[in-house]
C-alpha cells in the first residue's frame, strides 16, 4: 500500500491529499529516511510524521486496504 494511502486509511492524517503534501514537504520519514508518497509500506516499517513541533513515531502492524474507523488504530503501534 502506498504511504499516502496508509496514512489516510489508518487515520493518522485525515485526507490523502494532505498526506501527499506532507510527504512532498519532508514531514514524513520511513525507517529514518525521507519518504515519498509512493513508498510501498510494509509491516514492521517505522514511520515518523512531523506535526509542527510534535513528531509521531509509529510501527506498522498491518496494511489492510479497507478497515473501519474504530479499528484504524489497530493498524499501527505508537512508539513515541
Protein backbone atom coordinates (compact mmCIF):
# COMPACT_ATOMS: atom_id res chain seq x y z
CA UNK A 1 0.00 0.00 0.00
CA UNK A 2 1.26 3.49 -0.84
CA UNK A 3 2.43 5.62 2.08
CA UNK A 4 -0.08 8.43 1.48
CA UNK A 5 -2.95 5.92 1.35
CA UNK A 6 -1.71 4.16 4.52
CA UNK A 7 -1.62 7.45 6.43
CA UNK A 8 -5.20 8.17 5.33
CA UNK A 9 -6.65 4.67 5.91
CA UNK A 10 -5.04 4.43 9.36
CA UNK A 11 -6.43 7.92 10.10
CA UNK A 12 -3.06 9.34 11.13
CA UNK A 13 -3.74 12.07 8.56
CA UNK A 14 -7.38 12.73 7.64
CA UNK A 15 -7.05 13.33 3.88
CA UNK A 16 -4.89 11.65 1.28
CA UNK A 17 -4.02 14.95 -0.40
CA UNK A 18 -2.76 16.30 2.94
CA UNK A 19 -0.72 13.10 3.42
CA UNK A 20 0.70 13.54 -0.08
CA UNK A 21 1.66 17.16 0.69
CA UNK A 22 3.28 16.11 3.99
CA UNK A 23 5.46 13.62 2.11
CA UNK A 24 6.41 16.23 -0.51
CA UNK A 25 7.46 18.76 2.17
CA UNK A 26 9.78 16.43 4.13
CA UNK A 27 7.43 15.87 7.09
CA UNK A 28 7.33 12.06 6.75
CA UNK A 29 10.20 9.63 7.28
CA UNK A 30 10.19 5.84 6.97
CA UNK A 31 12.93 3.86 8.71
CA UNK A 32 14.91 7.07 9.24
CA UNK A 33 14.85 8.19 5.59
CA UNK A 34 12.72 10.83 3.89
CA UNK A 35 9.86 9.06 2.12
CA UNK A 36 7.85 9.87 -0.96
CA UNK A 37 4.07 9.37 -1.10
CA UNK A 38 4.60 6.45 -3.49
CA UNK A 39 6.69 4.45 -0.97
CA UNK A 40 5.29 0.92 -0.53
CA UNK A 41 4.54 0.46 3.20
CA UNK A 42 5.35 -2.94 4.71
CA UNK A 43 4.63 -4.43 8.12
CA UNK A 44 7.41 -3.57 10.55
CA UNK A 45 8.24 -0.19 8.98
CA UNK A 46 8.84 2.70 11.40
CA UNK A 47 7.07 5.87 10.24
CA UNK A 48 7.73 9.32 11.70
CA UNK A 49 5.31 12.16 10.94
CA UNK A 50 6.10 15.74 11.99
CA UNK A 51 3.07 17.77 13.11
CA UNK A 52 4.60 21.19 13.78
CA UNK A 53 6.84 20.84 16.84
CA UNK A 54 5.44 17.38 17.69
CA UNK A 55 6.59 14.17 15.98
CA UNK A 56 4.56 10.96 15.97
CA UNK A 57 6.59 7.76 15.66
CA UNK A 58 4.70 4.56 14.84
CA UNK A 59 5.39 0.97 13.85
CA UNK A 60 3.26 -0.52 11.07
CA UNK A 61 1.34 -3.59 12.31
CA UNK A 62 -0.93 -4.23 9.31
CA UNK A 63 -1.62 -2.81 5.87
CA UNK A 64 -5.32 -3.61 5.37
CA UNK A 65 -6.87 -1.78 2.41
CA UNK A 66 -10.35 -1.45 3.93
CA UNK A 67 -10.84 -1.01 7.65
CA UNK A 68 -13.45 0.69 9.79
CA UNK A 69 -12.89 3.87 11.74
CA UNK A 70 -13.00 2.03 15.08
CA UNK A 71 -10.30 -0.44 14.03
CA UNK A 72 -7.99 2.08 12.31
CA UNK A 73 -5.74 2.45 15.36
CA UNK A 74 -5.03 -1.31 15.27
CA UNK A 75 -3.04 -0.79 12.06
CA UNK A 76 -0.11 0.70 13.98
CA UNK A 77 1.64 0.79 17.35
CA UNK A 78 2.65 4.18 18.78
CA UNK A 79 6.33 4.26 19.77
CA UNK A 80 6.59 7.92 20.83
